[in-house]
PDB file of all heavy atoms in Angstrom:
ATOM      1  N   LYS A   1      13.813  19.564  39.309  1.00  0.00           N
ATOM      2  CA  LYS A   1      13.612  20.279  40.570  1.00  0.00           C
ATOM      3  C   LYS A   1      12.141  20.315  40.970  1.00  0.00           C
ATOM      4  O   LYS A   1      11.816  20.512  42.148  1.00  0.00           O
ATOM      5  CB  LYS A   1      14.142  21.708  40.442  1.00  0.00           C
ATOM      6  CG  LYS A   1      15.660  21.785  40.271  1.00  0.00           C
ATOM      7  CD  LYS A   1      16.118  23.225  40.136  1.00  0.00           C
ATOM      8  CE  LYS A   1      17.635  23.313  39.960  1.00  0.00           C
ATOM      9  NZ  LYS A   1      18.092  24.715  39.786  1.00  0.00           N
ATOM     10  N   LYS A   2      11.253  20.139  39.981  1.00  0.00           N
ATOM     11  CA  LYS A   2       9.817  20.158  40.257  1.00  0.00           C
ATOM     12  C   LYS A   2       9.235  18.758  40.496  1.00  0.00           C
ATOM     13  O   LYS A   2       8.039  18.607  40.663  1.00  0.00           O
ATOM     14  CB  LYS A   2       9.080  20.819  39.086  1.00  0.00           C
ATOM     15  CG  LYS A   2       9.483  22.283  38.832  1.00  0.00           C
ATOM     16  CD  LYS A   2       9.073  23.168  40.003  1.00  0.00           C
ATOM     17  CE  LYS A   2       9.393  24.623  39.735  1.00  0.00           C
ATOM     18  NZ  LYS A   2       8.534  25.244  38.710  1.00  0.00           N
ATOM     19  N   GLY A   3      10.124  17.762  40.497  1.00  0.00           N
ATOM     20  CA  GLY A   3       9.650  16.391  40.699  1.00  0.00           C
ATOM     21  C   GLY A   3      10.013  15.499  39.534  1.00  0.00           C
ATOM     22  O   GLY A   3      10.494  15.964  38.490  1.00  0.00           O
ATOM     23  N   ASP A   4       9.797  14.213  39.703  1.00  0.00           N
ATOM     24  CA  ASP A   4      10.139  13.247  38.663  1.00  0.00           C
ATOM     25  C   ASP A   4       9.173  13.364  37.487  1.00  0.00           C
ATOM     26  O   ASP A   4       7.956  13.436  37.670  1.00  0.00           O
ATOM     27  CB  ASP A   4      10.089  11.827  39.224  1.00  0.00           C
ATOM     28  CG  ASP A   4      11.223  11.554  40.205  1.00  0.00           C
ATOM     29  OD1 ASP A   4      12.156  12.383  40.263  1.00  0.00           O
ATOM     30  OD2 ASP A   4      11.175  10.521  40.895  1.00  0.00           O
ATOM     31  N   ILE A   5       9.761  13.357  36.267  1.00  0.00           N
ATOM     32  CA  ILE A   5       8.963  13.479  35.045  1.00  0.00           C
ATOM     33  C   ILE A   5       9.088  12.186  34.261  1.00  0.00           C
ATOM     34  O   ILE A   5      10.194  11.745  33.943  1.00  0.00           O
ATOM     35  CB  ILE A   5       9.458  14.656  34.180  1.00  0.00           C
ATOM     36  CG1 ILE A   5       9.490  15.956  34.992  1.00  0.00           C
ATOM     37  CG2 ILE A   5       8.566  14.815  32.954  1.00  0.00           C
ATOM     38  CD1 ILE A   5      10.135  17.106  34.254  1.00  0.00           C
ATOM     39  N   PRO A   6       7.951  11.545  33.924  1.00  0.00           N
ATOM     40  CA  PRO A   6       8.004  10.288  33.160  1.00  0.00           C
ATOM     41  C   PRO A   6       8.628  10.502  31.778  1.00  0.00           C
ATOM     42  O   PRO A   6       8.373  11.509  31.104  1.00  0.00           O
ATOM     43  CB  PRO A   6       6.542   9.862  33.035  1.00  0.00           C
ATOM     44  CG  PRO A   6       5.812  10.636  34.084  1.00  0.00           C
ATOM     45  CD  PRO A   6       6.559  11.909  34.266  1.00  0.00           C
ATOM     46  N   ILE A   7       9.457   9.554  31.367  1.00  0.00           N
ATOM     47  CA  ILE A   7      10.019   9.530  30.018  1.00  0.00           C
ATOM     48  C   ILE A   7       9.487   8.290  29.308  1.00  0.00           C
ATOM     49  O   ILE A   7       9.515   7.187  29.863  1.00  0.00           O
ATOM     50  CB  ILE A   7      11.560   9.506  30.039  1.00  0.00           C
ATOM     51  CG1 ILE A   7      12.119  10.760  30.708  1.00  0.00           C
ATOM     52  CG2 ILE A   7      12.109   9.392  28.611  1.00  0.00           C
ATOM     53  CD1 ILE A   7      13.649  10.792  30.779  1.00  0.00           C
ATOM     54  N   TYR A   8       9.033   8.473  28.067  1.00  0.00           N
ATOM     55  CA  TYR A   8       8.485   7.372  27.289  1.00  0.00           C
ATOM     56  C   TYR A   8       9.514   6.914  26.250  1.00  0.00           C
ATOM     57  O   TYR A   8      10.486   7.618  25.960  1.00  0.00           O
ATOM     58  CB  TYR A   8       7.175   7.796  26.624  1.00  0.00           C
ATOM     59  CG  TYR A   8       6.092   8.104  27.645  1.00  0.00           C
ATOM     60  CD1 TYR A   8       5.988   9.363  28.221  1.00  0.00           C
ATOM     61  CD2 TYR A   8       5.209   7.118  28.056  1.00  0.00           C
ATOM     62  CE1 TYR A   8       5.021   9.644  29.173  1.00  0.00           C
ATOM     63  CE2 TYR A   8       4.229   7.377  29.006  1.00  0.00           C
ATOM     64  CZ  TYR A   8       4.155   8.639  29.566  1.00  0.00           C
ATOM     65  OH  TYR A   8       3.202   8.905  30.525  1.00  0.00           O
ATOM     66  N   THR A   9       9.281   5.736  25.689  1.00  0.00           N
ATOM     67  CA  THR A   9      10.221   5.159  24.730  1.00  0.00           C
ATOM     68  C   THR A   9      10.407   6.093  23.539  1.00  0.00           C
ATOM     69  O   THR A   9       9.433   6.556  22.937  1.00  0.00           O
ATOM     70  CB  THR A   9       9.703   3.800  24.228  1.00  0.00           C
ATOM     71  OG1 THR A   9       9.326   2.997  25.344  1.00  0.00           O
ATOM     72  CG2 THR A   9      10.772   3.078  23.434  1.00  0.00           C
ATOM     73  N   ALA A  10      11.654   6.376  23.189  1.00  0.00           N
ATOM     74  CA  ALA A  10      11.960   7.288  22.087  1.00  0.00           C
ATOM     75  C   ALA A  10      11.582   6.668  20.745  1.00  0.00           C
ATOM     76  O   ALA A  10      11.708   5.459  20.535  1.00  0.00           O
ATOM     77  CB  ALA A  10      13.448   7.635  22.099  1.00  0.00           C
ATOM     78  N   LEU A  11      11.129   7.519  19.828  1.00  0.00           N
ATOM     79  CA  LEU A  11      10.725   7.092  18.488  1.00  0.00           C
ATOM     80  C   LEU A  11      11.760   7.494  17.456  1.00  0.00           C
ATOM     81  O   LEU A  11      12.445   8.522  17.606  1.00  0.00           O
ATOM     82  CB  LEU A  11       9.387   7.734  18.101  1.00  0.00           C
ATOM     83  CG  LEU A  11       8.199   7.525  19.031  1.00  0.00           C
ATOM     84  CD1 LEU A  11       6.977   8.244  18.463  1.00  0.00           C
ATOM     85  CD2 LEU A  11       7.909   6.043  19.247  1.00  0.00           C
ATOM     86  N   GLY A  12      11.838   6.727  16.378  1.00  0.00           N
ATOM     87  CA  GLY A  12      12.638   7.156  15.238  1.00  0.00           C
ATOM     88  C   GLY A  12      12.030   8.387  14.595  1.00  0.00           C
ATOM     89  O   GLY A  12      10.802   8.500  14.470  1.00  0.00           O
ATOM     90  N   ASP A  13      12.882   9.321  14.192  1.00  0.00           N
ATOM     91  CA  ASP A  13      12.359  10.597  13.693  1.00  0.00           C
ATOM     92  C   ASP A  13      11.543  10.447  12.417  1.00  0.00           C
ATOM     93  O   ASP A  13      10.544  11.148  12.219  1.00  0.00           O
ATOM     94  CB  ASP A  13      13.488  11.619  13.506  1.00  0.00           C
ATOM     95  CG  ASP A  13      14.623  11.128  12.612  1.00  0.00           C
ATOM     96  OD1 ASP A  13      14.553   9.989  12.090  1.00  0.00           O
ATOM     97  OD2 ASP A  13      15.594  11.887  12.433  1.00  0.00           O
ATOM     98  N   HIS A  14      11.924   9.518  11.545  1.00  0.00           N
ATOM     99  CA  HIS A  14      11.167   9.342  10.306  1.00  0.00           C
ATOM    100  C   HIS A  14       9.747   8.874  10.599  1.00  0.00           C
ATOM    101  O   HIS A  14       8.766   9.438  10.090  1.00  0.00           O
ATOM    102  CB  HIS A  14      11.880   8.324   9.406  1.00  0.00           C
ATOM    103  CG  HIS A  14      11.137   8.026   8.137  1.00  0.00           C
ATOM    104  ND1 HIS A  14      10.858   6.751   7.713  1.00  0.00           N
ATOM    105  CD2 HIS A  14      10.591   8.849   7.203  1.00  0.00           C
ATOM    106  CE1 HIS A  14      10.182   6.790   6.587  1.00  0.00           C
ATOM    107  NE2 HIS A  14      10.010   8.043   6.244  1.00  0.00           N
ATOM    108  N   GLN A  15       9.610   7.869  11.451  1.00  0.00           N
ATOM    109  CA  GLN A  15       8.278   7.344  11.749  1.00  0.00           C
ATOM    110  C   GLN A  15       7.436   8.333  12.548  1.00  0.00           C
ATOM    111  O   GLN A  15       6.222   8.421  12.368  1.00  0.00           O
ATOM    112  CB  GLN A  15       8.388   6.013  12.484  1.00  0.00           C
ATOM    113  CG  GLN A  15       8.874   4.861  11.607  1.00  0.00           C
ATOM    114  CD  GLN A  15      10.382   4.703  11.601  1.00  0.00           C
ATOM    115  OE1 GLN A  15      11.133   5.663  11.826  1.00  0.00           O
ATOM    116  NE2 GLN A  15      10.861   3.485  11.369  1.00  0.00           N
ATOM    117  N   ALA A  16       8.076   9.102  13.430  1.00  0.00           N
ATOM    118  CA  ALA A  16       7.340  10.132  14.161  1.00  0.00           C
ATOM    119  C   ALA A  16       6.764  11.164  13.193  1.00  0.00           C
ATOM    120  O   ALA A  16       5.619  11.606  13.333  1.00  0.00           O
ATOM    121  CB  ALA A  16       8.252  10.807  15.186  1.00  0.00           C
ATOM    122  N   ALA A  17       7.558  11.541  12.194  1.00  0.00           N
ATOM    123  CA  ALA A  17       7.094  12.527  11.223  1.00  0.00           C
ATOM    124  C   ALA A  17       5.960  11.972  10.371  1.00  0.00           C
ATOM    125  O   ALA A  17       4.974  12.669  10.084  1.00  0.00           O
ATOM    126  CB  ALA A  17       8.248  12.971  10.336  1.00  0.00           C
ATOM    127  N   VAL A  18       6.065  10.705   9.948  1.00  0.00           N
ATOM    128  CA  VAL A  18       4.987  10.104   9.154  1.00  0.00           C
ATOM    129  C   VAL A  18       3.707  10.018   9.983  1.00  0.00           C
ATOM    130  O   VAL A  18       2.607  10.283   9.483  1.00  0.00           O
ATOM    131  CB  VAL A  18       5.400   8.715   8.632  1.00  0.00           C
ATOM    132  CG1 VAL A  18       4.224   8.042   7.911  1.00  0.00           C
ATOM    133  CG2 VAL A  18       6.585   8.836   7.685  1.00  0.00           C
ATOM    134  N   LEU A  19       3.837   9.675  11.262  1.00  0.00           N
ATOM    135  CA  LEU A  19       2.671   9.655  12.136  1.00  0.00           C
ATOM    136  C   LEU A  19       2.015  11.029  12.186  1.00  0.00           C
ATOM    137  O   LEU A  19       0.786  11.152  12.229  1.00  0.00           O
ATOM    138  CB  LEU A  19       3.082   9.205  13.541  1.00  0.00           C
ATOM    139  CG  LEU A  19       1.961   8.954  14.549  1.00  0.00           C
ATOM    140  CD1 LEU A  19       1.098   7.773  14.106  1.00  0.00           C
ATOM    141  CD2 LEU A  19       2.538   8.697  15.937  1.00  0.00           C
ATOM    142  N   GLY A  20       2.826  12.086  12.160  1.00  0.00           N
ATOM    143  CA  GLY A  20       2.307  13.447  12.208  1.00  0.00           C
ATOM    144  C   GLY A  20       1.627  13.903  10.934  1.00  0.00           C
ATOM    145  O   GLY A  20       0.914  14.913  10.936  1.00  0.00           O
ATOM    146  N   THR A  21       1.827  13.179   9.828  1.00  0.00           N
ATOM    147  CA  THR A  21       1.134  13.535   8.586  1.00  0.00           C
ATOM    148  C   THR A  21      -0.279  12.982   8.544  1.00  0.00           C
ATOM    149  O   THR A  21      -1.056  13.330   7.658  1.00  0.00           O
ATOM    150  CB  THR A  21       1.879  12.989   7.351  1.00  0.00           C
ATOM    151  OG1 THR A  21       1.788  11.558   7.324  1.00  0.00           O
ATOM    152  CG2 THR A  21       3.332  13.429   7.342  1.00  0.00           C
ATOM    153  N   TYR A  22      -0.627  12.074   9.463  1.00  0.00           N
ATOM    154  CA  TYR A  22      -1.906  11.363   9.466  1.00  0.00           C
ATOM    155  C   TYR A  22      -2.041  10.420   8.278  1.00  0.00           C
ATOM    156  O   TYR A  22      -3.149  10.064   7.884  1.00  0.00           O
ATOM    157  CB  TYR A  22      -3.088  12.334   9.525  1.00  0.00           C
ATOM    158  CG  TYR A  22      -3.375  12.817  10.920  1.00  0.00           C
ATOM    159  CD1 TYR A  22      -2.697  13.908  11.451  1.00  0.00           C
ATOM    160  CD2 TYR A  22      -4.316  12.184  11.726  1.00  0.00           C
ATOM    161  CE1 TYR A  22      -2.941  14.352  12.743  1.00  0.00           C
ATOM    162  CE2 TYR A  22      -4.572  12.627  13.008  1.00  0.00           C
ATOM    163  CZ  TYR A  22      -3.883  13.706  13.517  1.00  0.00           C
ATOM    164  OH  TYR A  22      -4.133  14.141  14.791  1.00  0.00           O
ATOM    165  N   ALA A  23      -0.915   9.989   7.704  1.00  0.00           N
ATOM    166  CA  ALA A  23      -0.972   8.922   6.710  1.00  0.00           C
ATOM    167  C   ALA A  23      -1.453   7.651   7.401  1.00  0.00           C
ATOM    168  O   ALA A  23      -1.008   7.326   8.500  1.00  0.00           O
ATOM    169  CB  ALA A  23       0.402   8.705   6.088  1.00  0.00           C
ATOM    170  N   SER A  24      -2.375   6.938   6.748  1.00  0.00           N
ATOM    171  CA  SER A  24      -2.953   5.744   7.357  1.00  0.00           C
ATOM    172  C   SER A  24      -2.835   4.576   6.401  1.00  0.00           C
ATOM    173  O   SER A  24      -2.204   4.670   5.343  1.00  0.00           O
ATOM    174  CB  SER A  24      -4.410   6.009   7.735  1.00  0.00           C
ATOM    175  OG  SER A  24      -4.903   4.993   8.586  1.00  0.00           O
ATOM    176  N   ASP A  25      -3.448   3.461   6.768  1.00  0.00           N
ATOM    177  CA  ASP A  25      -3.321   2.233   5.995  1.00  0.00           C
ATOM    178  C   ASP A  25      -3.652   2.469   4.525  1.00  0.00           C
ATOM    179  O   ASP A  25      -4.711   3.006   4.187  1.00  0.00           O
ATOM    180  CB  ASP A  25      -4.257   1.159   6.547  1.00  0.00           C
ATOM    181  CG  ASP A  25      -3.945   0.792   7.995  1.00  0.00           C
ATOM    182  OD1 ASP A  25      -2.866   1.191   8.477  1.00  0.00           O
ATOM    183  OD2 ASP A  25      -4.775   0.117   8.631  1.00  0.00           O
ATOM    184  N   GLY A  26      -2.732   2.052   3.658  1.00  0.00           N
ATOM    185  CA  GLY A  26      -2.973   2.155   2.230  1.00  0.00           C
ATOM    186  C   GLY A  26      -2.647   3.500   1.628  1.00  0.00           C
ATOM    187  O   GLY A  26      -2.816   3.695   0.420  1.00  0.00           O
ATOM    188  N   ASP A  27      -2.170   4.448   2.432  1.00  0.00           N
ATOM    189  CA  ASP A  27      -1.801   5.768   1.911  1.00  0.00           C
ATOM    190  C   ASP A  27      -0.360   5.768   1.406  1.00  0.00           C
ATOM    191  O   ASP A  27       0.521   5.143   1.996  1.00  0.00           O
ATOM    192  CB  ASP A  27      -1.904   6.839   3.004  1.00  0.00           C
ATOM    193  CG  ASP A  27      -3.313   7.363   3.196  1.00  0.00           C
ATOM    194  OD1 ASP A  27      -4.116   7.261   2.258  1.00  0.00           O
ATOM    195  OD2 ASP A  27      -3.597   7.883   4.291  1.00  0.00           O
ATOM    196  N   MET A  28      -0.142   6.494   0.314  1.00  0.00           N
ATOM    197  CA  MET A  28       1.199   6.901  -0.072  1.00  0.00           C
ATOM    198  C   MET A  28       1.511   8.206   0.657  1.00  0.00           C
ATOM    199  O   MET A  28       0.608   9.017   0.890  1.00  0.00           O
ATOM    200  CB  MET A  28       1.298   7.149  -1.576  1.00  0.00           C
ATOM    201  CG  MET A  28       1.294   5.914  -2.432  1.00  0.00           C
ATOM    202  SD  MET A  28       2.871   5.052  -2.353  1.00  0.00           S
ATOM    203  CE  MET A  28       2.496   3.631  -3.393  1.00  0.00           C
ATOM    204  N   PHE A  29       2.761   8.395   1.008  1.00  0.00           N
ATOM    205  CA  PHE A  29       3.154   9.696   1.526  1.00  0.00           C
ATOM    206  C   PHE A  29       4.426  10.136   0.829  1.00  0.00           C
ATOM    207  O   PHE A  29       5.284   9.324   0.468  1.00  0.00           O
ATOM    208  CB  PHE A  29       3.337   9.662   3.053  1.00  0.00           C
ATOM    209  CG  PHE A  29       4.432   8.752   3.536  1.00  0.00           C
ATOM    210  CD1 PHE A  29       5.745   9.191   3.631  1.00  0.00           C
ATOM    211  CD2 PHE A  29       4.142   7.451   3.915  1.00  0.00           C
ATOM    212  CE1 PHE A  29       6.750   8.349   4.073  1.00  0.00           C
ATOM    213  CE2 PHE A  29       5.136   6.600   4.362  1.00  0.00           C
ATOM    214  CZ  PHE A  29       6.452   7.053   4.443  1.00  0.00           C
ATOM    215  N   ILE A  30       4.514  11.423   0.603  1.00  0.00           N
ATOM    216  CA  ILE A  30       5.654  12.023  -0.094  1.00  0.00           C
ATOM    217  C   ILE A  30       6.196  13.141   0.780  1.00  0.00           C
ATOM    218  O   ILE A  30       5.446  14.019   1.212  1.00  0.00           O
ATOM    219  CB  ILE A  30       5.230  12.578  -1.470  1.00  0.00           C
ATOM    220  CG1 ILE A  30       4.871  11.429  -2.419  1.00  0.00           C
ATOM    221  CG2 ILE A  30       6.324  13.443  -2.071  1.00  0.00           C
ATOM    222  CD1 ILE A  30       4.310  11.892  -3.740  1.00  0.00           C
ATOM    223  N   ASN A  31       7.483  13.105   1.030  1.00  0.00           N
ATOM    224  CA  ASN A  31       8.150  14.162   1.780  1.00  0.00           C
ATOM    225  C   ASN A  31       9.209  14.780   0.876  1.00  0.00           C
ATOM    226  O   ASN A  31      10.131  14.097   0.424  1.00  0.00           O
ATOM    227  CB  ASN A  31       8.798  13.595   3.049  1.00  0.00           C
ATOM    228  CG  ASN A  31       9.591  14.657   3.800  1.00  0.00           C
ATOM    229  OD1 ASN A  31       9.216  15.831   3.803  1.00  0.00           O
ATOM    230  ND2 ASN A  31      10.688  14.261   4.401  1.00  0.00           N
ATOM    231  N   ILE A  32       9.053  16.061   0.580  1.00  0.00           N
ATOM    232  CA  ILE A  32      10.034  16.756  -0.257  1.00  0.00           C
ATOM    233  C   ILE A  32      10.537  17.962   0.519  1.00  0.00           C
ATOM    234  O   ILE A  32       9.862  18.995   0.630  1.00  0.00           O
ATOM    235  CB  ILE A  32       9.446  17.196  -1.609  1.00  0.00           C
ATOM    236  CG1 ILE A  32       8.722  16.035  -2.299  1.00  0.00           C
ATOM    237  CG2 ILE A  32      10.563  17.725  -2.509  1.00  0.00           C
ATOM    238  CD1 ILE A  32       8.089  16.398  -3.627  1.00  0.00           C
ATOM    239  N   GLY A  33      11.694  17.823   1.083  1.00  0.00           N
ATOM    240  CA  GLY A  33      12.373  18.916   1.770  1.00  0.00           C
ATOM    241  C   GLY A  33      13.778  18.990   1.213  1.00  0.00           C
ATOM    242  O   GLY A  33      13.980  18.951   0.001  1.00  0.00           O
ATOM    243  N   THR A  34      14.772  19.073   2.088  1.00  0.00           N
ATOM    244  CA  THR A  34      16.154  19.010   1.635  1.00  0.00           C
ATOM    245  C   THR A  34      16.421  17.674   0.963  1.00  0.00           C
ATOM    246  O   THR A  34      17.114  17.580  -0.046  1.00  0.00           O
ATOM    247  CB  THR A  34      17.115  19.192   2.826  1.00  0.00           C
ATOM    248  OG1 THR A  34      16.809  20.428   3.468  1.00  0.00           O
ATOM    249  CG2 THR A  34      18.545  19.207   2.366  1.00  0.00           C
ATOM    250  N   GLY A  35      15.846  16.607   1.548  1.00  0.00           N
ATOM    251  CA  GLY A  35      15.873  15.287   0.930  1.00  0.00           C
ATOM    252  C   GLY A  35      14.487  14.918   0.453  1.00  0.00           C
ATOM    253  O   GLY A  35      13.512  15.637   0.690  1.00  0.00           O
ATOM    254  N   GLY A  36      14.383  13.788  -0.237  1.00  0.00           N
ATOM    255  CA  GLY A  36      13.090  13.365  -0.763  1.00  0.00           C
ATOM    256  C   GLY A  36      12.815  11.908  -0.483  1.00  0.00           C
ATOM    257  O   GLY A  36      13.713  11.063  -0.604  1.00  0.00           O
ATOM    258  N   GLN A  37      11.577  11.598  -0.121  1.00  0.00           N
ATOM    259  CA  GLN A  37      11.175  10.227   0.195  1.00  0.00           C
ATOM    260  C   GLN A  37       9.759   9.993  -0.323  1.00  0.00           C
ATOM    261  O   GLN A  37       8.930  10.903  -0.336  1.00  0.00           O
ATOM    262  CB  GLN A  37      11.165   9.986   1.716  1.00  0.00           C
ATOM    263  CG  GLN A  37      12.447  10.308   2.428  1.00  0.00           C
ATOM    264  CD  GLN A  37      12.250  10.427   3.931  1.00  0.00           C
ATOM    265  OE1 GLN A  37      11.146  10.639   4.409  1.00  0.00           O
ATOM    266  NE2 GLN A  37      13.336  10.305   4.683  1.00  0.00           N
ATOM    267  N   VAL A  38       9.512   8.768  -0.731  1.00  0.00           N
ATOM    268  CA  VAL A  38       8.146   8.331  -0.994  1.00  0.00           C
ATOM    269  C   VAL A  38       7.947   7.035  -0.214  1.00  0.00           C
ATOM    270  O   VAL A  38       8.858   6.203  -0.119  1.00  0.00           O
ATOM    271  CB  VAL A  38       7.874   8.117  -2.502  1.00  0.00           C
ATOM    272  CG1 VAL A  38       8.782   7.052  -3.100  1.00  0.00           C
ATOM    273  CG2 VAL A  38       6.411   7.763  -2.746  1.00  0.00           C
ATOM    274  N   GLY A  39       6.763   6.889   0.390  1.00  0.00           N
ATOM    275  CA  GLY A  39       6.520   5.722   1.214  1.00  0.00           C
ATOM    276  C   GLY A  39       5.078   5.257   1.113  1.00  0.00           C
ATOM    277  O   GLY A  39       4.207   5.955   0.571  1.00  0.00           O
ATOM    278  N   TYR A  40       4.847   4.069   1.647  1.00  0.00           N
ATOM    279  CA  TYR A  40       3.521   3.456   1.636  1.00  0.00           C
ATOM    280  C   TYR A  40       3.286   2.839   3.000  1.00  0.00           C
ATOM    281  O   TYR A  40       4.151   2.127   3.533  1.00  0.00           O
ATOM    282  CB  TYR A  40       3.467   2.384   0.546  1.00  0.00           C
ATOM    283  CG  TYR A  40       2.185   1.579   0.487  1.00  0.00           C
ATOM    284  CD1 TYR A  40       1.045   2.096  -0.117  1.00  0.00           C
ATOM    285  CD2 TYR A  40       2.119   0.291   1.014  1.00  0.00           C
ATOM    286  CE1 TYR A  40      -0.134   1.353  -0.188  1.00  0.00           C
ATOM    287  CE2 TYR A  40       0.955  -0.458   0.946  1.00  0.00           C
ATOM    288  CZ  TYR A  40      -0.173   0.074   0.344  1.00  0.00           C
ATOM    289  OH  TYR A  40      -1.322  -0.656   0.283  1.00  0.00           O
ATOM    290  N   VAL A  41       2.125   3.133   3.596  1.00  0.00           N
ATOM    291  CA  VAL A  41       1.782   2.585   4.909  1.00  0.00           C
ATOM    292  C   VAL A  41       1.073   1.253   4.715  1.00  0.00           C
ATOM    293  O   VAL A  41       0.000   1.186   4.107  1.00  0.00           O
ATOM    294  CB  VAL A  41       0.892   3.558   5.707  1.00  0.00           C
ATOM    295  CG1 VAL A  41       0.533   2.948   7.059  1.00  0.00           C
ATOM    296  CG2 VAL A  41       1.610   4.895   5.907  1.00  0.00           C
TER     297      VAL A  41
END
């Protein structure tokens, strides 16, 4: 109602979350919540 709002390409939730950790090239990242993951950028 306030005008057209741009929509950008949707991201996968896993990669969006890793981006939010500020993990960068050569970093390991560990996510331990309900599930568990270890990854390498």
